[in-house]
Amino acid sequence: MKELTQELESMEPSGAIVDLLLGANVATLTEEQKLTALVLVHRAIASLHHVRLSLLHEVEDTAEIAMAIHEPEQSMVHQKHRSAMLDRLPRMAELLRRGEIDLRRMETVDDRVVHLAKPELVTQVENALVDLAPSLTRTQLARRTTKAVAEADPLGYDQRRLKAQCR
């Protein structure tokens, strides 16, 4: 793999692709190669977000992590809490790992399913979205997720909606 070609866009992110990107001379790339590089970077970043969430999910001491990477501890606690979405939405997590969706889209789905009372409802919503998610923008995915949550749990959705309106 010595050249940035469009065929690379269909591959899963890997160390070889990251090495290729790191070694690329941006000034000499064609417009097509720049677009391909941006797609590959986007996918690699999503995959690395999955790695980060996986590591945070397994680490207990967020204070040590915060000190090591110079992040506020509260931020690390929040990110560790967020890492539970890997278990809650395993098929979406796999899309994130493969770089097919980005972290914002994964969080968008999780924000809407986290309040569902039963894991089978979360699975129902995830099943409705997993094939569509890679081709949707974050806004489109948010709307589809909201609709899927309302269909999976109509009573709970109405209760949460009314509670939000009262705030």
N, C-alpha and C. Protein backbone atom coordinates (compact mmCIF):
# COMPACT_ATOMS: atom_id res chain seq x y z
N MET A 1 0.84 -1.18 0.00
CA MET A 1 0.00 0.00 0.00
C MET A 1 0.88 1.24 0.00
N LYS A 2 1.20 1.73 -1.16
CA LYS A 2 2.07 2.89 -1.23
C LYS A 2 1.37 4.12 -1.75
N GLU A 3 0.17 3.97 -2.28
CA GLU A 3 -0.51 5.10 -2.89
C GLU A 3 -1.93 5.22 -2.34
N LEU A 4 -2.36 6.44 -2.18
CA LEU A 4 -3.72 6.70 -1.72
C LEU A 4 -4.68 6.52 -2.89
N THR A 5 -5.40 5.42 -2.89
CA THR A 5 -6.36 5.17 -3.95
C THR A 5 -7.74 5.00 -3.34
N GLN A 6 -8.75 5.26 -4.13
CA GLN A 6 -10.12 5.20 -3.65
C GLN A 6 -10.49 3.81 -3.11
N GLU A 7 -9.85 2.77 -3.60
CA GLU A 7 -10.13 1.41 -3.13
C GLU A 7 -9.88 1.25 -1.63
N LEU A 8 -8.97 2.05 -1.09
CA LEU A 8 -8.66 1.99 0.35
C LEU A 8 -9.87 2.37 1.21
N GLU A 9 -10.77 3.16 0.65
CA GLU A 9 -11.93 3.62 1.41
C GLU A 9 -12.84 2.48 1.83
N SER A 10 -12.79 1.36 1.13
CA SER A 10 -13.66 0.22 1.47
C SER A 10 -13.00 -0.73 2.48
N MET A 11 -11.75 -0.45 2.84
CA MET A 11 -11.05 -1.31 3.80
C MET A 11 -11.28 -0.82 5.23
N GLU A 12 -11.19 -1.77 6.16
CA GLU A 12 -11.27 -1.38 7.57
C GLU A 12 -10.01 -0.60 7.94
N PRO A 13 -10.15 0.36 8.86
CA PRO A 13 -8.97 1.10 9.30
C PRO A 13 -7.91 0.14 9.85
N SER A 14 -6.66 0.44 9.58
CA SER A 14 -5.56 -0.41 10.05
C SER A 14 -4.33 0.45 10.28
N GLY A 15 -3.35 -0.15 10.93
CA GLY A 15 -2.08 0.54 11.14
C GLY A 15 -1.40 0.89 9.84
N ALA A 16 -1.54 0.01 8.84
CA ALA A 16 -0.91 0.27 7.55
C ALA A 16 -1.52 1.51 6.89
N ILE A 17 -2.82 1.66 7.01
CA ILE A 17 -3.47 2.85 6.44
C ILE A 17 -3.05 4.11 7.19
N VAL A 18 -2.98 4.01 8.51
CA VAL A 18 -2.54 5.17 9.30
C VAL A 18 -1.10 5.53 8.93
N ASP A 19 -0.24 4.53 8.79
CA ASP A 19 1.15 4.80 8.36
C ASP A 19 1.18 5.50 7.01
N LEU A 20 0.35 5.03 6.09
CA LEU A 20 0.28 5.65 4.77
C LEU A 20 -0.15 7.11 4.87
N LEU A 21 -1.15 7.37 5.71
CA LEU A 21 -1.62 8.74 5.89
C LEU A 21 -0.56 9.62 6.53
N LEU A 22 0.12 9.08 7.53
CA LEU A 22 1.15 9.86 8.22
C LEU A 22 2.33 10.17 7.32
N GLY A 23 2.59 9.30 6.36
CA GLY A 23 3.71 9.51 5.46
C GLY A 23 3.37 10.29 4.20
N ALA A 24 2.09 10.63 4.03
CA ALA A 24 1.67 11.33 2.82
C ALA A 24 2.15 12.78 2.83
N ASN A 25 2.59 13.24 1.69
CA ASN A 25 2.95 14.65 1.51
C ASN A 25 1.70 15.33 0.95
N VAL A 26 0.98 16.02 1.79
CA VAL A 26 -0.31 16.62 1.41
C VAL A 26 -0.16 17.55 0.22
N ALA A 27 0.92 18.25 0.14
CA ALA A 27 1.13 19.22 -0.94
C ALA A 27 1.20 18.55 -2.32
N THR A 28 1.55 17.28 -2.35
CA THR A 28 1.70 16.61 -3.65
C THR A 28 0.48 15.75 -4.02
N LEU A 29 -0.51 15.69 -3.16
CA LEU A 29 -1.69 14.86 -3.43
C LEU A 29 -2.60 15.54 -4.45
N THR A 30 -3.22 14.72 -5.28
CA THR A 30 -4.25 15.23 -6.19
C THR A 30 -5.51 15.50 -5.38
N GLU A 31 -6.46 16.18 -5.97
CA GLU A 31 -7.72 16.47 -5.26
C GLU A 31 -8.42 15.16 -4.89
N GLU A 32 -8.39 14.18 -5.77
CA GLU A 32 -9.01 12.88 -5.48
C GLU A 32 -8.31 12.19 -4.31
N GLN A 33 -6.99 12.26 -4.29
CA GLN A 33 -6.23 11.65 -3.19
C GLN A 33 -6.50 12.37 -1.87
N LYS A 34 -6.66 13.69 -1.92
CA LYS A 34 -6.98 14.44 -0.69
C LYS A 34 -8.33 14.01 -0.14
N LEU A 35 -9.31 13.84 -1.03
CA LEU A 35 -10.63 13.38 -0.59
C LEU A 35 -10.54 11.99 0.01
N THR A 36 -9.82 11.11 -0.66
CA THR A 36 -9.62 9.75 -0.13
C THR A 36 -8.93 9.80 1.23
N ALA A 37 -7.91 10.63 1.35
CA ALA A 37 -7.19 10.76 2.63
C ALA A 37 -8.13 11.24 3.73
N LEU A 38 -8.98 12.20 3.43
CA LEU A 38 -9.93 12.69 4.44
C LEU A 38 -10.91 11.60 4.86
N VAL A 39 -11.39 10.82 3.91
CA VAL A 39 -12.28 9.70 4.25
C VAL A 39 -11.56 8.70 5.14
N LEU A 40 -10.33 8.38 4.79
CA LEU A 40 -9.55 7.42 5.58
C LEU A 40 -9.26 7.94 6.98
N VAL A 41 -8.94 9.22 7.09
CA VAL A 41 -8.70 9.83 8.41
C VAL A 41 -9.97 9.77 9.25
N HIS A 42 -11.09 10.12 8.65
CA HIS A 42 -12.37 10.09 9.36
C HIS A 42 -12.65 8.68 9.90
N ARG A 43 -12.44 7.68 9.07
CA ARG A 43 -12.69 6.30 9.48
C ARG A 43 -11.70 5.85 10.56
N ALA A 44 -10.43 6.23 10.41
CA ALA A 44 -9.43 5.85 11.41
C ALA A 44 -9.72 6.49 12.76
N ILE A 45 -10.12 7.75 12.75
CA ILE A 45 -10.46 8.43 14.00
C ILE A 45 -11.63 7.72 14.68
N ALA A 46 -12.65 7.35 13.93
CA ALA A 46 -13.79 6.63 14.51
C ALA A 46 -13.33 5.33 15.14
N SER A 47 -12.48 4.61 14.44
CA SER A 47 -11.97 3.35 14.96
C SER A 47 -11.16 3.57 16.23
N LEU A 48 -10.36 4.61 16.26
CA LEU A 48 -9.58 4.92 17.46
C LEU A 48 -10.48 5.36 18.62
N HIS A 49 -11.58 6.02 18.31
CA HIS A 49 -12.55 6.34 19.38
C HIS A 49 -13.08 5.05 20.00
N HIS A 50 -13.31 4.04 19.19
CA HIS A 50 -13.76 2.75 19.72
C HIS A 50 -12.71 2.16 20.64
N VAL A 51 -11.45 2.22 20.23
CA VAL A 51 -10.36 1.71 21.07
C VAL A 51 -10.33 2.46 22.39
N ARG A 52 -10.45 3.80 22.34
CA ARG A 52 -10.41 4.61 23.55
C ARG A 52 -11.56 4.24 24.49
N LEU A 53 -12.76 4.12 23.94
CA LEU A 53 -13.91 3.75 24.77
C LEU A 53 -13.73 2.36 25.37
N SER A 54 -13.21 1.44 24.59
CA SER A 54 -12.98 0.08 25.08
C SER A 54 -11.99 0.08 26.24
N LEU A 55 -10.92 0.85 26.10
CA LEU A 55 -9.94 0.94 27.18
C LEU A 55 -10.54 1.58 28.43
N LEU A 56 -11.25 2.68 28.24
CA LEU A 56 -11.87 3.36 29.38
C LEU A 56 -12.88 2.45 30.08
N HIS A 57 -13.56 1.64 29.32
CA HIS A 57 -14.56 0.74 29.87
C HIS A 57 -13.92 -0.27 30.84
N GLU A 58 -12.68 -0.63 30.57
CA GLU A 58 -12.00 -1.66 31.36
C GLU A 58 -11.11 -1.12 32.47
N VAL A 59 -10.89 0.20 32.49
CA VAL A 59 -10.01 0.80 33.49
C VAL A 59 -10.85 1.35 34.64
N GLU A 60 -10.38 1.13 35.84
CA GLU A 60 -11.12 1.59 37.02
C GLU A 60 -10.70 2.99 37.47
N ASP A 61 -9.40 3.27 37.43
CA ASP A 61 -8.88 4.51 38.01
C ASP A 61 -8.85 5.64 36.99
N THR A 62 -9.93 6.40 36.94
CA THR A 62 -9.99 7.51 35.98
C THR A 62 -9.06 8.66 36.39
N ALA A 63 -8.76 8.78 37.67
CA ALA A 63 -7.86 9.85 38.13
C ALA A 63 -6.47 9.65 37.53
N GLU A 64 -6.00 8.42 37.51
CA GLU A 64 -4.68 8.14 36.95
C GLU A 64 -4.64 8.45 35.45
N ILE A 65 -5.70 8.08 34.75
CA ILE A 65 -5.77 8.37 33.31
C ILE A 65 -5.76 9.88 33.10
N ALA A 66 -6.57 10.59 33.88
CA ALA A 66 -6.66 12.05 33.74
C ALA A 66 -5.30 12.70 33.92
N MET A 67 -4.57 12.26 34.92
CA MET A 67 -3.25 12.83 35.16
C MET A 67 -2.30 12.49 34.02
N ALA A 68 -2.37 11.27 33.52
CA ALA A 68 -1.44 10.83 32.47
C ALA A 68 -1.65 11.57 31.16
N ILE A 69 -2.88 11.90 30.84
CA ILE A 69 -3.14 12.56 29.55
C ILE A 69 -3.54 14.03 29.70
N HIS A 70 -3.43 14.54 30.92
CA HIS A 70 -3.68 15.97 31.19
C HIS A 70 -5.10 16.38 30.81
N GLU A 71 -6.04 15.61 31.27
CA GLU A 71 -7.47 15.89 31.08
C GLU A 71 -8.10 16.06 32.46
N PRO A 72 -9.14 16.86 32.56
CA PRO A 72 -9.83 16.95 33.85
C PRO A 72 -10.43 15.59 34.23
N GLU A 73 -10.35 15.27 35.51
CA GLU A 73 -10.85 13.95 35.94
C GLU A 73 -12.34 13.81 35.64
N GLN A 74 -13.11 14.88 35.80
CA GLN A 74 -14.55 14.82 35.52
C GLN A 74 -14.81 14.42 34.07
N SER A 75 -13.97 14.91 33.19
CA SER A 75 -14.08 14.55 31.78
C SER A 75 -13.84 13.05 31.58
N MET A 76 -12.86 12.51 32.28
CA MET A 76 -12.57 11.08 32.17
C MET A 76 -13.71 10.25 32.77
N VAL A 77 -14.28 10.71 33.86
CA VAL A 77 -15.42 10.01 34.47
C VAL A 77 -16.59 9.99 33.48
N HIS A 78 -16.84 11.14 32.85
CA HIS A 78 -17.92 11.22 31.86
C HIS A 78 -17.65 10.27 30.69
N GLN A 79 -16.42 10.25 30.19
CA GLN A 79 -16.09 9.38 29.07
C GLN A 79 -16.19 7.91 29.46
N LYS A 80 -15.78 7.58 30.68
CA LYS A 80 -15.91 6.19 31.16
C LYS A 80 -17.39 5.81 31.22
N HIS A 81 -18.21 6.71 31.73
CA HIS A 81 -19.65 6.47 31.78
C HIS A 81 -20.19 6.24 30.36
N ARG A 82 -19.73 7.06 29.42
CA ARG A 82 -20.15 6.94 28.02
C ARG A 82 -19.76 5.59 27.42
N SER A 83 -18.66 5.02 27.91
CA SER A 83 -18.16 3.77 27.33
C SER A 83 -19.15 2.62 27.49
N ALA A 84 -20.12 2.75 28.39
CA ALA A 84 -21.14 1.72 28.56
C ALA A 84 -21.96 1.52 27.28
N MET A 85 -21.95 2.52 26.39
CA MET A 85 -22.71 2.39 25.15
C MET A 85 -22.16 1.27 24.28
N LEU A 86 -20.90 0.87 24.47
CA LEU A 86 -20.36 -0.25 23.71
C LEU A 86 -21.11 -1.54 24.02
N ASP A 87 -21.50 -1.71 25.28
CA ASP A 87 -22.29 -2.88 25.67
C ASP A 87 -23.76 -2.71 25.33
N ARG A 88 -24.25 -1.50 25.49
CA ARG A 88 -25.67 -1.23 25.25
C ARG A 88 -26.03 -1.36 23.76
N LEU A 89 -25.10 -0.94 22.90
CA LEU A 89 -25.33 -0.93 21.45
C LEU A 89 -24.19 -1.67 20.73
N PRO A 90 -24.11 -2.98 20.89
CA PRO A 90 -22.95 -3.71 20.36
C PRO A 90 -22.83 -3.66 18.83
N ARG A 91 -23.93 -3.66 18.12
CA ARG A 91 -23.85 -3.63 16.65
C ARG A 91 -23.43 -2.24 16.16
N MET A 92 -23.90 -1.21 16.82
CA MET A 92 -23.47 0.14 16.48
C MET A 92 -21.99 0.31 16.86
N ALA A 93 -21.59 -0.30 17.98
CA ALA A 93 -20.18 -0.24 18.39
C ALA A 93 -19.28 -0.88 17.34
N GLU A 94 -19.76 -1.94 16.73
CA GLU A 94 -18.98 -2.59 15.67
C GLU A 94 -18.84 -1.66 14.45
N LEU A 95 -19.91 -0.92 14.14
CA LEU A 95 -19.82 0.07 13.06
C LEU A 95 -18.78 1.14 13.39
N LEU A 96 -18.75 1.56 14.64
CA LEU A 96 -17.75 2.54 15.08
C LEU A 96 -16.35 1.95 14.96
N ARG A 97 -16.18 0.72 15.39
CA ARG A 97 -14.87 0.06 15.32
C ARG A 97 -14.36 -0.01 13.88
N ARG A 98 -15.26 -0.28 12.96
CA ARG A 98 -14.89 -0.39 11.55
C ARG A 98 -14.81 0.97 10.85
N GLY A 99 -15.13 2.03 11.58
CA GLY A 99 -15.06 3.37 11.01
C GLY A 99 -16.22 3.71 10.10
N GLU A 100 -17.32 2.96 10.19
CA GLU A 100 -18.47 3.20 9.33
C GLU A 100 -19.40 4.29 9.87
N ILE A 101 -19.34 4.52 11.17
CA ILE A 101 -20.02 5.67 11.77
C ILE A 101 -19.01 6.36 12.68
N ASP A 102 -19.24 7.61 12.98
CA ASP A 102 -18.32 8.32 13.86
C ASP A 102 -18.89 8.36 15.28
N LEU A 103 -18.08 8.85 16.19
CA LEU A 103 -18.47 8.88 17.60
C LEU A 103 -19.73 9.71 17.83
N ARG A 104 -19.86 10.84 17.13
CA ARG A 104 -21.05 11.69 17.31
C ARG A 104 -22.33 10.94 16.96
N ARG A 105 -22.29 10.16 15.90
CA ARG A 105 -23.50 9.41 15.53
C ARG A 105 -23.79 8.32 16.55
N MET A 106 -22.75 7.66 17.04
CA MET A 106 -22.94 6.64 18.08
C MET A 106 -23.55 7.27 19.33
N GLU A 107 -23.03 8.42 19.73
CA GLU A 107 -23.56 9.11 20.91
C GLU A 107 -24.99 9.58 20.68
N THR A 108 -25.31 9.97 19.47
CA THR A 108 -26.66 10.42 19.13
C THR A 108 -27.66 9.30 19.37
N VAL A 109 -27.32 8.11 18.94
CA VAL A 109 -28.20 6.96 19.17
C VAL A 109 -28.27 6.65 20.66
N ASP A 110 -27.12 6.60 21.31
CA ASP A 110 -27.09 6.26 22.73
C ASP A 110 -27.89 7.25 23.57
N ASP A 111 -27.80 8.54 23.26
CA ASP A 111 -28.54 9.55 24.01
C ASP A 111 -30.04 9.28 23.98
N ARG A 112 -30.51 8.67 22.91
CA ARG A 112 -31.94 8.43 22.76
C ARG A 112 -32.40 7.08 23.30
N VAL A 113 -31.48 6.13 23.44
CA VAL A 113 -31.89 4.80 23.94
C VAL A 113 -31.53 4.57 25.40
N VAL A 114 -30.66 5.39 25.95
CA VAL A 114 -30.15 5.16 27.29
C VAL A 114 -31.27 5.13 28.34
N HIS A 115 -32.38 5.79 28.08
CA HIS A 115 -33.47 5.86 29.06
C HIS A 115 -34.51 4.75 28.87
N LEU A 116 -34.34 3.92 27.86
CA LEU A 116 -35.29 2.82 27.67
C LEU A 116 -35.12 1.83 28.82
N ALA A 117 -36.23 1.40 29.37
CA ALA A 117 -36.21 0.58 30.58
C ALA A 117 -35.74 -0.86 30.34
N LYS A 118 -35.99 -1.38 29.15
CA LYS A 118 -35.68 -2.80 28.90
C LYS A 118 -34.61 -2.92 27.81
N PRO A 119 -33.62 -3.78 28.05
CA PRO A 119 -32.57 -3.98 27.04
C PRO A 119 -33.12 -4.44 25.68
N GLU A 120 -34.22 -5.20 25.70
CA GLU A 120 -34.78 -5.66 24.42
C GLU A 120 -35.34 -4.50 23.59
N LEU A 121 -35.75 -3.42 24.26
CA LEU A 121 -36.20 -2.23 23.53
C LEU A 121 -35.01 -1.53 22.87
N VAL A 122 -33.90 -1.49 23.57
CA VAL A 122 -32.68 -0.90 23.01
C VAL A 122 -32.26 -1.71 21.78
N THR A 123 -32.31 -3.03 21.92
CA THR A 123 -31.95 -3.90 20.79
C THR A 123 -32.89 -3.70 19.62
N GLN A 124 -34.16 -3.53 19.89
CA GLN A 124 -35.14 -3.28 18.82
C GLN A 124 -34.80 -2.00 18.06
N VAL A 125 -34.48 -0.95 18.80
CA VAL A 125 -34.12 0.32 18.17
C VAL A 125 -32.81 0.15 17.39
N GLU A 126 -31.84 -0.48 17.99
CA GLU A 126 -30.55 -0.69 17.31
C GLU A 126 -30.74 -1.48 16.01
N ASN A 127 -31.55 -2.53 16.06
CA ASN A 127 -31.79 -3.34 14.87
C ASN A 127 -32.43 -2.52 13.74
N ALA A 128 -33.27 -1.57 14.13
CA ALA A 128 -33.93 -0.73 13.12
C ALA A 128 -32.96 0.25 12.46
N LEU A 129 -31.84 0.52 13.10
CA LEU A 129 -30.93 1.57 12.62
C LEU A 129 -29.61 1.08 12.05
N VAL A 130 -29.17 -0.08 12.47
CA VAL A 130 -27.79 -0.49 12.20
C VAL A 130 -27.44 -0.53 10.71
N ASP A 131 -28.35 -0.94 9.88
CA ASP A 131 -28.06 -1.00 8.45
C ASP A 131 -28.12 0.37 7.78
N LEU A 132 -28.89 1.27 8.36
CA LEU A 132 -29.05 2.61 7.79
C LEU A 132 -27.99 3.60 8.27
N ALA A 133 -27.53 3.43 9.48
CA ALA A 133 -26.67 4.42 10.14
C ALA A 133 -25.47 4.89 9.32
N PRO A 134 -24.73 4.00 8.65
CA PRO A 134 -23.56 4.49 7.90
C PRO A 134 -23.89 5.48 6.79
N SER A 135 -25.10 5.43 6.27
CA SER A 135 -25.44 6.31 5.15
C SER A 135 -26.19 7.58 5.58
N LEU A 136 -26.43 7.74 6.88
CA LEU A 136 -27.19 8.89 7.37
C LEU A 136 -26.29 9.92 8.01
N THR A 137 -26.68 11.18 7.90
CA THR A 137 -25.99 12.24 8.64
C THR A 137 -26.40 12.11 10.12
N ARG A 138 -25.72 12.84 10.98
CA ARG A 138 -26.06 12.79 12.40
C ARG A 138 -27.50 13.25 12.63
N THR A 139 -27.92 14.30 11.94
CA THR A 139 -29.28 14.81 12.10
C THR A 139 -30.31 13.80 11.61
N GLN A 140 -30.07 13.20 10.47
CA GLN A 140 -30.99 12.18 9.96
C GLN A 140 -31.06 10.99 10.91
N LEU A 141 -29.90 10.59 11.44
CA LEU A 141 -29.87 9.46 12.37
C LEU A 141 -30.60 9.81 13.66
N ALA A 142 -30.48 11.05 14.12
CA ALA A 142 -31.19 11.49 15.33
C ALA A 142 -32.69 11.36 15.13
N ARG A 143 -33.17 11.82 13.98
CA ARG A 143 -34.61 11.74 13.71
C ARG A 143 -35.08 10.30 13.62
N ARG A 144 -34.32 9.46 12.92
CA ARG A 144 -34.69 8.05 12.78
C ARG A 144 -34.67 7.35 14.14
N THR A 145 -33.69 7.69 14.96
CA THR A 145 -33.59 7.07 16.28
C THR A 145 -34.78 7.49 17.15
N THR A 146 -35.10 8.76 17.14
CA THR A 146 -36.25 9.25 17.91
C THR A 146 -37.52 8.52 17.48
N LYS A 147 -37.70 8.36 16.18
CA LYS A 147 -38.87 7.65 15.65
C LYS A 147 -38.85 6.18 16.09
N ALA A 148 -37.70 5.53 16.02
CA ALA A 148 -37.59 4.12 16.42
C ALA A 148 -37.85 3.95 17.92
N VAL A 149 -37.38 4.90 18.73
CA VAL A 149 -37.64 4.85 20.18
C VAL A 149 -39.13 5.00 20.45
N ALA A 150 -39.77 5.93 19.74
CA ALA A 150 -41.22 6.14 19.92
C ALA A 150 -42.00 4.90 19.52
N GLU A 151 -41.55 4.21 18.48
CA GLU A 151 -42.23 2.99 18.05
C GLU A 151 -41.98 1.82 19.01
N ALA A 152 -40.79 1.74 19.56
CA ALA A 152 -40.45 0.65 20.47
C ALA A 152 -41.10 0.80 21.83
N ASP A 153 -41.24 2.04 22.29
CA ASP A 153 -41.77 2.31 23.63
C ASP A 153 -42.67 3.55 23.59
N PRO A 154 -43.85 3.42 22.97
CA PRO A 154 -44.70 4.60 22.78
C PRO A 154 -45.09 5.30 24.09
N LEU A 155 -45.44 4.52 25.11
CA LEU A 155 -45.86 5.11 26.37
C LEU A 155 -44.69 5.83 27.03
N GLY A 156 -43.54 5.17 27.11
CA GLY A 156 -42.36 5.78 27.71
C GLY A 156 -41.91 7.01 26.95
N TYR A 157 -42.01 6.96 25.63
CA TYR A 157 -41.63 8.10 24.80
C TYR A 157 -42.52 9.29 25.12
N ASP A 158 -43.83 9.06 25.18
CA ASP A 158 -44.76 10.16 25.50
C ASP A 158 -44.50 10.73 26.89
N GLN A 159 -44.22 9.87 27.86
CA GLN A 159 -43.94 10.33 29.21
C GLN A 159 -42.68 11.20 29.24
N ARG A 160 -41.62 10.75 28.55
CA ARG A 160 -40.37 11.53 28.52
C ARG A 160 -40.56 12.85 27.77
N ARG A 161 -41.35 12.81 26.70
CA ARG A 161 -41.62 14.01 25.91
C ARG A 161 -42.37 15.03 26.76
N LEU A 162 -43.41 14.58 27.45
CA LEU A 162 -44.20 15.50 28.29
C LEU A 162 -43.36 16.06 29.44
N LYS A 163 -42.52 15.21 30.02
CA LYS A 163 -41.66 15.66 31.11
C LYS A 163 -40.68 16.73 30.60
N ALA A 164 -40.15 16.54 29.41
CA ALA A 164 -39.23 17.52 28.82
C ALA A 164 -39.94 18.84 28.53
N GLN A 165 -41.21 18.79 28.12
CA GLN A 165 -41.96 20.00 27.82
C GLN A 165 -42.25 20.81 29.08
N CYS A 166 -42.36 20.14 30.20
CA CYS A 166 -42.67 20.81 31.47
C CYS A 166 -41.45 21.53 32.05
N ARG A 167 -40.28 21.23 31.55
CA ARG A 167 -39.07 21.86 32.10
C ARG A 167 -38.94 23.27 31.70
